[in-house]
Amino acid sequence: MNTKSIFAAAALSLAIATGGAHAESPADLNDLEIAHVAYTADLIDIRYAHLALAISKNEDVRAFANSMINDHTHVNDEALALLKKLNAQPVDNFLSRQLNAQADQLVAELSQLTGAEFDKRYAANELAYHQAVNGLVAGTFVPNIDNAEVKVLFEEAIAIFKIHEDNAAALVEDVSAGAMKK
């Protein structure tokens, strides 16, 4: 992982752990706020994936991006169906806003890259992003969710997203190895 990737992962982890400049904590979020953060995180990863499809010519990167779009869209569809069943709406909060602001910065950065440089940065970000979000979901959100159906949905989703993390780690290796071959 390069320095920018390490910095981005550290910034995301810090924002998740501390809520940025706010005194609020992810552990204090209620189920509807947690739902909004998760939905937002999925939308952000879908956004990154669409950018990868627009920029990358690497078949591995494109396949990974397509799987991010499909899987995160499916999880969000399941979440929206559950919220509709529960007659509830997700609630915006400091953490979802922080994630969106960071995503805007990263999209601007990624948009300036091409070729192997883009592929390496995208793969490194996907690994760091999944590590940070998976840690937050498994370590903070799932233990603090009150509604049993919401908790089950999150437990099912984290199983999928841990596979994404493993696949992102493999993608990092693949694009690094590909760059070394040239």
N, C-alpha and C. Protein backbone atom coordinates (compact mmCIF):
# COMPACT_ATOMS: atom_id res chain seq x y z
N MET A 1 0.85 -1.17 0.00
CA MET A 1 0.00 0.00 0.00
C MET A 1 0.90 1.23 0.00
N ASN A 2 0.56 2.22 -0.85
CA ASN A 2 1.40 3.41 -0.91
C ASN A 2 1.03 4.39 0.21
N THR A 3 1.78 5.46 0.30
CA THR A 3 1.59 6.42 1.39
C THR A 3 0.20 7.05 1.34
N LYS A 4 -0.28 7.39 0.14
CA LYS A 4 -1.61 7.99 0.04
C LYS A 4 -2.68 7.01 0.53
N SER A 5 -2.53 5.73 0.19
CA SER A 5 -3.50 4.73 0.63
C SER A 5 -3.49 4.58 2.14
N ILE A 6 -2.31 4.56 2.70
CA ILE A 6 -2.20 4.44 4.16
C ILE A 6 -2.81 5.67 4.82
N PHE A 7 -2.54 6.86 4.26
CA PHE A 7 -3.12 8.07 4.81
C PHE A 7 -4.64 8.05 4.70
N ALA A 8 -5.16 7.63 3.55
CA ALA A 8 -6.61 7.58 3.37
C ALA A 8 -7.26 6.60 4.34
N ALA A 9 -6.63 5.45 4.51
CA ALA A 9 -7.17 4.47 5.45
C ALA A 9 -7.13 5.01 6.88
N ALA A 10 -6.05 5.67 7.22
CA ALA A 10 -5.95 6.24 8.56
C ALA A 10 -6.98 7.34 8.76
N ALA A 11 -7.18 8.17 7.75
CA ALA A 11 -8.18 9.25 7.86
C ALA A 11 -9.58 8.68 8.00
N LEU A 12 -9.89 7.65 7.21
CA LEU A 12 -11.20 7.03 7.30
C LEU A 12 -11.37 6.37 8.66
N SER A 13 -10.37 5.67 9.12
CA SER A 13 -10.46 5.03 10.43
C SER A 13 -10.62 6.07 11.54
N LEU A 14 -9.89 7.16 11.43
CA LEU A 14 -10.00 8.22 12.43
C LEU A 14 -11.39 8.84 12.40
N ALA A 15 -11.91 9.09 11.21
CA ALA A 15 -13.25 9.67 11.10
C ALA A 15 -14.29 8.72 11.66
N ILE A 16 -14.13 7.44 11.37
CA ILE A 16 -15.07 6.45 11.88
C ILE A 16 -14.96 6.35 13.40
N ALA A 17 -13.75 6.36 13.89
CA ALA A 17 -13.57 6.19 15.34
C ALA A 17 -13.98 7.42 16.13
N THR A 18 -13.73 8.60 15.56
CA THR A 18 -13.96 9.80 16.34
C THR A 18 -15.11 10.66 15.83
N GLY A 19 -15.56 10.39 14.61
CA GLY A 19 -16.60 11.25 14.04
C GLY A 19 -16.06 12.60 13.61
N GLY A 20 -14.80 12.64 13.26
CA GLY A 20 -14.21 13.89 12.81
C GLY A 20 -14.14 14.87 13.97
N ALA A 21 -14.56 16.10 13.73
CA ALA A 21 -14.47 17.14 14.75
C ALA A 21 -15.65 17.09 15.72
N HIS A 22 -16.61 16.23 15.45
CA HIS A 22 -17.79 16.15 16.30
C HIS A 22 -17.52 15.32 17.55
N ALA A 23 -18.27 15.61 18.59
CA ALA A 23 -18.12 14.88 19.84
C ALA A 23 -18.88 13.55 19.80
N GLU A 24 -19.68 13.34 18.76
CA GLU A 24 -20.48 12.11 18.66
C GLU A 24 -19.58 10.91 18.38
N SER A 25 -20.08 9.75 18.70
CA SER A 25 -19.34 8.52 18.49
C SER A 25 -20.20 7.54 17.69
N PRO A 26 -19.59 6.75 16.79
CA PRO A 26 -20.36 5.73 16.07
C PRO A 26 -21.10 4.78 17.00
N ALA A 27 -20.54 4.53 18.17
CA ALA A 27 -21.19 3.64 19.14
C ALA A 27 -22.48 4.23 19.69
N ASP A 28 -22.66 5.54 19.56
CA ASP A 28 -23.85 6.21 20.07
C ASP A 28 -24.98 6.31 19.04
N LEU A 29 -24.71 5.89 17.81
CA LEU A 29 -25.74 5.98 16.77
C LEU A 29 -26.86 4.99 17.03
N ASN A 30 -28.09 5.39 16.69
CA ASN A 30 -29.22 4.46 16.81
C ASN A 30 -29.35 3.64 15.52
N ASP A 31 -30.27 2.70 15.51
CA ASP A 31 -30.41 1.80 14.36
C ASP A 31 -30.63 2.54 13.05
N LEU A 32 -31.44 3.59 13.06
CA LEU A 32 -31.74 4.32 11.83
C LEU A 32 -30.55 5.14 11.35
N GLU A 33 -29.74 5.63 12.28
CA GLU A 33 -28.50 6.32 11.91
C GLU A 33 -27.47 5.32 11.39
N ILE A 34 -27.38 4.17 12.01
CA ILE A 34 -26.48 3.11 11.54
C ILE A 34 -26.89 2.69 10.13
N ALA A 35 -28.18 2.54 9.91
CA ALA A 35 -28.67 2.16 8.58
C ALA A 35 -28.25 3.19 7.54
N HIS A 36 -28.29 4.46 7.90
CA HIS A 36 -27.90 5.51 6.95
C HIS A 36 -26.41 5.45 6.65
N VAL A 37 -25.60 5.22 7.66
CA VAL A 37 -24.15 5.11 7.44
C VAL A 37 -23.86 3.94 6.52
N ALA A 38 -24.47 2.80 6.77
CA ALA A 38 -24.22 1.62 5.94
C ALA A 38 -24.68 1.85 4.50
N TYR A 39 -25.85 2.44 4.34
CA TYR A 39 -26.37 2.74 3.01
C TYR A 39 -25.43 3.70 2.29
N THR A 40 -24.98 4.71 3.00
CA THR A 40 -24.05 5.69 2.44
C THR A 40 -22.74 5.02 2.04
N ALA A 41 -22.20 4.18 2.90
CA ALA A 41 -20.94 3.48 2.59
C ALA A 41 -21.09 2.63 1.34
N ASP A 42 -22.24 1.95 1.20
CA ASP A 42 -22.48 1.16 0.00
C ASP A 42 -22.54 2.05 -1.24
N LEU A 43 -23.26 3.16 -1.15
CA LEU A 43 -23.36 4.07 -2.29
C LEU A 43 -22.00 4.63 -2.69
N ILE A 44 -21.17 4.90 -1.71
CA ILE A 44 -19.83 5.41 -1.99
C ILE A 44 -19.03 4.35 -2.74
N ASP A 45 -19.09 3.11 -2.31
CA ASP A 45 -18.33 2.07 -3.00
C ASP A 45 -18.87 1.85 -4.42
N ILE A 46 -20.16 1.98 -4.59
CA ILE A 46 -20.75 1.89 -5.93
C ILE A 46 -20.21 3.05 -6.79
N ARG A 47 -20.12 4.21 -6.21
CA ARG A 47 -19.58 5.38 -6.92
C ARG A 47 -18.14 5.14 -7.35
N TYR A 48 -17.32 4.62 -6.43
CA TYR A 48 -15.94 4.29 -6.79
C TYR A 48 -15.90 3.27 -7.92
N ALA A 49 -16.77 2.28 -7.86
CA ALA A 49 -16.79 1.23 -8.88
C ALA A 49 -17.17 1.79 -10.25
N HIS A 50 -18.14 2.67 -10.30
CA HIS A 50 -18.50 3.29 -11.58
C HIS A 50 -17.34 4.10 -12.14
N LEU A 51 -16.61 4.77 -11.28
CA LEU A 51 -15.44 5.50 -11.72
C LEU A 51 -14.39 4.54 -12.28
N ALA A 52 -14.20 3.41 -11.61
CA ALA A 52 -13.25 2.41 -12.10
C ALA A 52 -13.66 1.90 -13.49
N LEU A 53 -14.93 1.68 -13.68
CA LEU A 53 -15.39 1.21 -15.00
C LEU A 53 -15.18 2.27 -16.07
N ALA A 54 -15.28 3.53 -15.69
CA ALA A 54 -15.09 4.62 -16.65
C ALA A 54 -13.62 4.84 -17.00
N ILE A 55 -12.72 4.52 -16.07
CA ILE A 55 -11.31 4.86 -16.27
C ILE A 55 -10.45 3.64 -16.58
N SER A 56 -10.64 2.54 -15.88
CA SER A 56 -9.71 1.41 -15.98
C SER A 56 -9.96 0.55 -17.22
N LYS A 57 -8.88 0.06 -17.74
CA LYS A 57 -8.94 -0.91 -18.84
C LYS A 57 -8.52 -2.30 -18.35
N ASN A 58 -8.12 -2.39 -17.08
CA ASN A 58 -7.66 -3.64 -16.49
C ASN A 58 -8.86 -4.56 -16.23
N GLU A 59 -8.83 -5.75 -16.80
CA GLU A 59 -9.96 -6.67 -16.67
C GLU A 59 -10.24 -7.06 -15.22
N ASP A 60 -9.20 -7.24 -14.41
CA ASP A 60 -9.39 -7.59 -13.00
C ASP A 60 -10.05 -6.45 -12.23
N VAL A 61 -9.62 -5.24 -12.48
CA VAL A 61 -10.20 -4.07 -11.83
C VAL A 61 -11.66 -3.93 -12.24
N ARG A 62 -11.94 -4.10 -13.51
CA ARG A 62 -13.30 -3.96 -14.02
C ARG A 62 -14.22 -5.05 -13.45
N ALA A 63 -13.71 -6.27 -13.35
CA ALA A 63 -14.51 -7.36 -12.78
C ALA A 63 -14.80 -7.08 -11.30
N PHE A 64 -13.80 -6.62 -10.58
CA PHE A 64 -13.99 -6.27 -9.17
C PHE A 64 -15.02 -5.16 -9.05
N ALA A 65 -14.89 -4.12 -9.87
CA ALA A 65 -15.82 -2.99 -9.82
C ALA A 65 -17.25 -3.45 -10.10
N ASN A 66 -17.42 -4.31 -11.09
CA ASN A 66 -18.76 -4.83 -11.38
C ASN A 66 -19.33 -5.60 -10.20
N SER A 67 -18.49 -6.37 -9.51
CA SER A 67 -18.98 -7.11 -8.35
C SER A 67 -19.35 -6.15 -7.21
N MET A 68 -18.61 -5.05 -7.07
CA MET A 68 -18.96 -4.06 -6.05
C MET A 68 -20.33 -3.44 -6.35
N ILE A 69 -20.57 -3.11 -7.60
CA ILE A 69 -21.86 -2.53 -7.99
C ILE A 69 -22.98 -3.53 -7.70
N ASN A 70 -22.80 -4.76 -8.14
CA ASN A 70 -23.85 -5.76 -7.96
C ASN A 70 -24.11 -6.07 -6.49
N ASP A 71 -23.06 -6.34 -5.74
CA ASP A 71 -23.24 -6.75 -4.34
C ASP A 71 -23.74 -5.61 -3.46
N HIS A 72 -23.17 -4.43 -3.61
CA HIS A 72 -23.59 -3.31 -2.77
C HIS A 72 -25.01 -2.85 -3.14
N THR A 73 -25.35 -2.92 -4.41
CA THR A 73 -26.73 -2.59 -4.81
C THR A 73 -27.70 -3.59 -4.20
N HIS A 74 -27.34 -4.86 -4.24
CA HIS A 74 -28.20 -5.90 -3.67
C HIS A 74 -28.40 -5.68 -2.16
N VAL A 75 -27.33 -5.41 -1.44
CA VAL A 75 -27.44 -5.18 0.00
C VAL A 75 -28.29 -3.94 0.27
N ASN A 76 -28.08 -2.88 -0.48
CA ASN A 76 -28.89 -1.68 -0.28
C ASN A 76 -30.36 -1.93 -0.59
N ASP A 77 -30.64 -2.71 -1.63
CA ASP A 77 -32.03 -3.06 -1.95
C ASP A 77 -32.67 -3.84 -0.80
N GLU A 78 -31.92 -4.77 -0.22
CA GLU A 78 -32.41 -5.54 0.93
C GLU A 78 -32.66 -4.62 2.12
N ALA A 79 -31.75 -3.69 2.34
CA ALA A 79 -31.90 -2.75 3.46
C ALA A 79 -33.13 -1.87 3.26
N LEU A 80 -33.32 -1.36 2.05
CA LEU A 80 -34.48 -0.51 1.79
C LEU A 80 -35.78 -1.29 1.95
N ALA A 81 -35.80 -2.55 1.52
CA ALA A 81 -36.99 -3.38 1.68
C ALA A 81 -37.30 -3.60 3.16
N LEU A 82 -36.27 -3.82 3.97
CA LEU A 82 -36.48 -4.01 5.40
C LEU A 82 -36.98 -2.72 6.05
N LEU A 83 -36.38 -1.60 5.68
CA LEU A 83 -36.84 -0.33 6.23
C LEU A 83 -38.30 -0.06 5.86
N LYS A 84 -38.66 -0.41 4.64
CA LYS A 84 -40.06 -0.23 4.22
C LYS A 84 -40.97 -1.12 5.05
N LYS A 85 -40.55 -2.36 5.25
CA LYS A 85 -41.33 -3.29 6.08
C LYS A 85 -41.49 -2.75 7.50
N LEU A 86 -40.43 -2.16 8.02
CA LEU A 86 -40.45 -1.61 9.38
C LEU A 86 -41.08 -0.22 9.44
N ASN A 87 -41.45 0.31 8.25
CA ASN A 87 -42.01 1.66 8.15
C ASN A 87 -41.08 2.69 8.80
N ALA A 88 -39.81 2.62 8.42
CA ALA A 88 -38.79 3.48 9.00
C ALA A 88 -37.96 4.12 7.89
N GLN A 89 -37.32 5.21 8.21
CA GLN A 89 -36.43 5.91 7.29
C GLN A 89 -35.06 6.04 7.92
N PRO A 90 -34.00 5.80 7.13
CA PRO A 90 -32.66 6.02 7.69
C PRO A 90 -32.47 7.49 8.03
N VAL A 91 -31.61 7.75 9.00
CA VAL A 91 -31.41 9.12 9.50
C VAL A 91 -29.97 9.56 9.23
N ASP A 92 -29.85 10.66 8.50
CA ASP A 92 -28.55 11.24 8.22
C ASP A 92 -27.87 11.62 9.54
N ASN A 93 -26.54 11.62 9.54
CA ASN A 93 -25.80 11.90 10.77
C ASN A 93 -24.38 12.33 10.44
N PHE A 94 -23.63 12.66 11.47
CA PHE A 94 -22.27 13.16 11.30
C PHE A 94 -21.39 12.19 10.53
N LEU A 95 -21.54 10.91 10.75
CA LEU A 95 -20.64 9.95 10.13
C LEU A 95 -20.95 9.76 8.65
N SER A 96 -22.20 9.70 8.29
CA SER A 96 -22.53 9.57 6.87
C SER A 96 -22.09 10.83 6.10
N ARG A 97 -22.23 11.98 6.72
CA ARG A 97 -21.77 13.21 6.08
C ARG A 97 -20.25 13.22 5.94
N GLN A 98 -19.54 12.75 6.96
CA GLN A 98 -18.07 12.68 6.91
C GLN A 98 -17.61 11.73 5.80
N LEU A 99 -18.26 10.58 5.70
CA LEU A 99 -17.91 9.61 4.66
C LEU A 99 -18.12 10.21 3.27
N ASN A 100 -19.22 10.92 3.08
CA ASN A 100 -19.48 11.55 1.77
C ASN A 100 -18.44 12.60 1.44
N ALA A 101 -18.05 13.39 2.40
CA ALA A 101 -17.04 14.43 2.17
C ALA A 101 -15.70 13.79 1.78
N GLN A 102 -15.32 12.73 2.47
CA GLN A 102 -14.08 12.03 2.14
C GLN A 102 -14.16 11.39 0.76
N ALA A 103 -15.33 10.85 0.43
CA ALA A 103 -15.51 10.23 -0.89
C ALA A 103 -15.36 11.27 -1.99
N ASP A 104 -15.92 12.45 -1.79
CA ASP A 104 -15.79 13.51 -2.80
C ASP A 104 -14.32 13.83 -3.06
N GLN A 105 -13.54 13.90 -1.99
CA GLN A 105 -12.10 14.18 -2.15
C GLN A 105 -11.40 13.05 -2.90
N LEU A 106 -11.74 11.81 -2.56
CA LEU A 106 -11.08 10.69 -3.21
C LEU A 106 -11.48 10.58 -4.67
N VAL A 107 -12.73 10.81 -4.99
CA VAL A 107 -13.17 10.76 -6.38
C VAL A 107 -12.42 11.82 -7.19
N ALA A 108 -12.25 13.00 -6.63
CA ALA A 108 -11.49 14.05 -7.32
C ALA A 108 -10.06 13.59 -7.57
N GLU A 109 -9.46 12.96 -6.57
CA GLU A 109 -8.09 12.45 -6.74
C GLU A 109 -8.03 11.34 -7.78
N LEU A 110 -8.91 10.35 -7.66
CA LEU A 110 -8.91 9.22 -8.59
C LEU A 110 -9.17 9.66 -10.02
N SER A 111 -9.99 10.68 -10.19
CA SER A 111 -10.35 11.16 -11.52
C SER A 111 -9.16 11.72 -12.28
N GLN A 112 -8.11 12.06 -11.56
CA GLN A 112 -6.91 12.61 -12.19
C GLN A 112 -5.93 11.52 -12.62
N LEU A 113 -6.20 10.28 -12.26
CA LEU A 113 -5.28 9.18 -12.54
C LEU A 113 -5.74 8.36 -13.74
N THR A 114 -4.78 7.68 -14.37
CA THR A 114 -5.09 6.79 -15.49
C THR A 114 -4.19 5.56 -15.41
N GLY A 115 -4.55 4.57 -16.19
CA GLY A 115 -3.71 3.38 -16.36
C GLY A 115 -3.40 2.67 -15.06
N ALA A 116 -2.18 2.16 -14.98
CA ALA A 116 -1.76 1.38 -13.82
C ALA A 116 -1.79 2.22 -12.54
N GLU A 117 -1.54 3.52 -12.67
CA GLU A 117 -1.56 4.39 -11.49
C GLU A 117 -2.97 4.43 -10.89
N PHE A 118 -3.99 4.55 -11.76
CA PHE A 118 -5.38 4.52 -11.27
C PHE A 118 -5.68 3.16 -10.65
N ASP A 119 -5.32 2.09 -11.37
CA ASP A 119 -5.64 0.74 -10.90
C ASP A 119 -5.06 0.47 -9.52
N LYS A 120 -3.82 0.85 -9.31
CA LYS A 120 -3.18 0.63 -8.01
C LYS A 120 -3.86 1.45 -6.91
N ARG A 121 -4.18 2.70 -7.21
CA ARG A 121 -4.81 3.56 -6.20
C ARG A 121 -6.22 3.09 -5.89
N TYR A 122 -6.96 2.70 -6.92
CA TYR A 122 -8.33 2.20 -6.72
C TYR A 122 -8.30 0.92 -5.87
N ALA A 123 -7.43 -0.01 -6.21
CA ALA A 123 -7.34 -1.28 -5.48
C ALA A 123 -6.94 -1.04 -4.02
N ALA A 124 -5.94 -0.19 -3.82
CA ALA A 124 -5.49 0.10 -2.45
C ALA A 124 -6.61 0.75 -1.64
N ASN A 125 -7.36 1.65 -2.26
CA ASN A 125 -8.46 2.28 -1.56
C ASN A 125 -9.54 1.26 -1.23
N GLU A 126 -9.85 0.38 -2.16
CA GLU A 126 -10.89 -0.62 -1.90
C GLU A 126 -10.51 -1.51 -0.72
N LEU A 127 -9.25 -1.88 -0.63
CA LEU A 127 -8.80 -2.69 0.50
C LEU A 127 -8.93 -1.89 1.81
N ALA A 128 -8.40 -0.68 1.83
CA ALA A 128 -8.45 0.15 3.04
C ALA A 128 -9.90 0.46 3.42
N TYR A 129 -10.73 0.76 2.44
CA TYR A 129 -12.13 1.11 2.70
C TYR A 129 -12.88 -0.07 3.30
N HIS A 130 -12.69 -1.25 2.70
CA HIS A 130 -13.39 -2.42 3.24
C HIS A 130 -12.87 -2.80 4.63
N GLN A 131 -11.58 -2.66 4.86
CA GLN A 131 -11.05 -2.94 6.19
C GLN A 131 -11.67 -2.00 7.22
N ALA A 132 -11.73 -0.72 6.91
CA ALA A 132 -12.26 0.25 7.86
C ALA A 132 -13.76 0.05 8.08
N VAL A 133 -14.52 -0.06 7.01
CA VAL A 133 -15.96 -0.21 7.15
C VAL A 133 -16.31 -1.55 7.79
N ASN A 134 -15.64 -2.62 7.39
CA ASN A 134 -15.91 -3.93 8.00
C ASN A 134 -15.62 -3.92 9.49
N GLY A 135 -14.53 -3.27 9.87
CA GLY A 135 -14.21 -3.17 11.29
C GLY A 135 -15.27 -2.40 12.06
N LEU A 136 -15.76 -1.33 11.48
CA LEU A 136 -16.80 -0.53 12.11
C LEU A 136 -18.09 -1.33 12.23
N VAL A 137 -18.49 -1.99 11.15
CA VAL A 137 -19.75 -2.75 11.16
C VAL A 137 -19.67 -3.89 12.16
N ALA A 138 -18.62 -4.71 12.06
CA ALA A 138 -18.52 -5.88 12.93
C ALA A 138 -18.24 -5.50 14.38
N GLY A 139 -17.39 -4.51 14.59
CA GLY A 139 -16.96 -4.19 15.95
C GLY A 139 -17.84 -3.20 16.70
N THR A 140 -18.53 -2.32 15.96
CA THR A 140 -19.32 -1.28 16.63
C THR A 140 -20.80 -1.37 16.30
N PHE A 141 -21.13 -1.47 15.03
CA PHE A 141 -22.54 -1.42 14.66
C PHE A 141 -23.31 -2.66 15.06
N VAL A 142 -22.86 -3.84 14.64
CA VAL A 142 -23.62 -5.06 14.93
C VAL A 142 -23.87 -5.22 16.43
N PRO A 143 -22.87 -5.04 17.29
CA PRO A 143 -23.15 -5.19 18.73
C PRO A 143 -24.13 -4.16 19.29
N ASN A 144 -24.29 -3.03 18.59
CA ASN A 144 -25.15 -1.96 19.11
C ASN A 144 -26.51 -1.85 18.44
N ILE A 145 -26.79 -2.71 17.47
CA ILE A 145 -28.08 -2.66 16.79
C ILE A 145 -29.13 -3.30 17.68
N ASP A 146 -30.24 -2.60 17.86
CA ASP A 146 -31.32 -3.09 18.72
C ASP A 146 -32.31 -4.00 18.00
N ASN A 147 -32.69 -3.66 16.77
CA ASN A 147 -33.68 -4.43 16.04
C ASN A 147 -33.08 -5.73 15.52
N ALA A 148 -33.69 -6.86 15.84
CA ALA A 148 -33.16 -8.18 15.47
C ALA A 148 -33.08 -8.36 13.95
N GLU A 149 -34.07 -7.88 13.21
CA GLU A 149 -34.05 -8.03 11.75
C GLU A 149 -32.95 -7.19 11.12
N VAL A 150 -32.74 -6.01 11.64
CA VAL A 150 -31.66 -5.15 11.14
C VAL A 150 -30.31 -5.81 11.46
N LYS A 151 -30.19 -6.36 12.65
CA LYS A 151 -28.93 -7.02 13.04
C LYS A 151 -28.62 -8.19 12.10
N VAL A 152 -29.63 -9.00 11.77
CA VAL A 152 -29.43 -10.14 10.86
C VAL A 152 -28.96 -9.64 9.49
N LEU A 153 -29.60 -8.58 9.00
CA LEU A 153 -29.20 -8.02 7.70
C LEU A 153 -27.74 -7.58 7.73
N PHE A 154 -27.33 -6.92 8.80
CA PHE A 154 -25.94 -6.48 8.91
C PHE A 154 -24.98 -7.67 9.01
N GLU A 155 -25.36 -8.69 9.73
CA GLU A 155 -24.50 -9.88 9.84
C GLU A 155 -24.34 -10.57 8.49
N GLU A 156 -25.42 -10.63 7.72
CA GLU A 156 -25.33 -11.21 6.38
C GLU A 156 -24.47 -10.34 5.47
N ALA A 157 -24.64 -9.04 5.57
CA ALA A 157 -23.88 -8.12 4.73
C ALA A 157 -22.39 -8.18 5.06
N ILE A 158 -22.05 -8.25 6.33
CA ILE A 158 -20.63 -8.26 6.69
C ILE A 158 -19.94 -9.50 6.14
N ALA A 159 -20.65 -10.60 6.04
CA ALA A 159 -20.06 -11.81 5.44
C ALA A 159 -19.69 -11.54 3.98
N ILE A 160 -20.55 -10.85 3.26
CA ILE A 160 -20.27 -10.49 1.87
C ILE A 160 -19.09 -9.52 1.80
N PHE A 161 -19.10 -8.54 2.68
CA PHE A 161 -18.08 -7.49 2.61
C PHE A 161 -16.71 -7.97 3.07
N LYS A 162 -16.67 -9.01 3.88
CA LYS A 162 -15.36 -9.60 4.23
C LYS A 162 -14.78 -10.32 3.01
N ILE A 163 -15.64 -10.91 2.19
CA ILE A 163 -15.17 -11.50 0.93
C ILE A 163 -14.63 -10.39 0.03
N HIS A 164 -15.33 -9.25 0.00
CA HIS A 164 -14.84 -8.11 -0.77
C HIS A 164 -13.45 -7.69 -0.29
N GLU A 165 -13.27 -7.67 1.01
CA GLU A 165 -11.96 -7.29 1.57
C GLU A 165 -10.87 -8.25 1.08
N ASP A 166 -11.16 -9.55 1.12
CA ASP A 166 -10.19 -10.54 0.63
C ASP A 166 -9.93 -10.35 -0.86
N ASN A 167 -11.00 -10.10 -1.63
CA ASN A 167 -10.84 -9.89 -3.07
C ASN A 167 -10.07 -8.60 -3.35
N ALA A 168 -10.28 -7.58 -2.54
CA ALA A 168 -9.54 -6.33 -2.71
C ALA A 168 -8.05 -6.55 -2.42
N ALA A 169 -7.75 -7.37 -1.41
CA ALA A 169 -6.34 -7.67 -1.11
C ALA A 169 -5.69 -8.39 -2.30
N ALA A 170 -6.42 -9.32 -2.89
CA ALA A 170 -5.91 -10.02 -4.07
C ALA A 170 -5.74 -9.05 -5.24
N LEU A 171 -6.66 -8.13 -5.40
CA LEU A 171 -6.57 -7.14 -6.47
C LEU A 171 -5.35 -6.25 -6.29
N VAL A 172 -5.09 -5.85 -5.06
CA VAL A 172 -3.89 -5.04 -4.78
C VAL A 172 -2.65 -5.79 -5.25
N GLU A 173 -2.57 -7.06 -4.92
CA GLU A 173 -1.42 -7.88 -5.35
C GLU A 173 -1.36 -8.00 -6.87
N ASP A 174 -2.51 -8.23 -7.50
CA ASP A 174 -2.56 -8.39 -8.96
C ASP A 174 -2.11 -7.13 -9.69
N VAL A 175 -2.63 -5.98 -9.29
CA VAL A 175 -2.26 -4.76 -10.00
C VAL A 175 -0.82 -4.37 -9.69
N SER A 176 -0.33 -4.69 -8.51
CA SER A 176 1.09 -4.42 -8.20
C SER A 176 1.99 -5.33 -9.01
N ALA A 177 1.62 -6.59 -9.12
CA ALA A 177 2.41 -7.55 -9.90
C ALA A 177 2.38 -7.17 -11.38
N GLY A 178 1.22 -6.73 -11.85
CA GLY A 178 1.09 -6.32 -13.24
C GLY A 178 1.96 -5.12 -13.56
N ALA A 179 2.04 -4.20 -12.63
CA ALA A 179 2.86 -3.00 -12.83
C ALA A 179 4.34 -3.36 -12.83
N MET A 180 4.71 -4.38 -12.03
CA MET A 180 6.12 -4.79 -11.96
C MET A 180 6.53 -5.52 -13.23
N LYS A 181 5.60 -6.18 -13.92
CA LYS A 181 5.91 -6.91 -15.14
C LYS A 181 6.25 -5.99 -16.31
N LYS A 182 5.75 -4.77 -16.25
CA LYS A 182 5.94 -3.84 -17.38
C LYS A 182 7.28 -3.23 -17.38
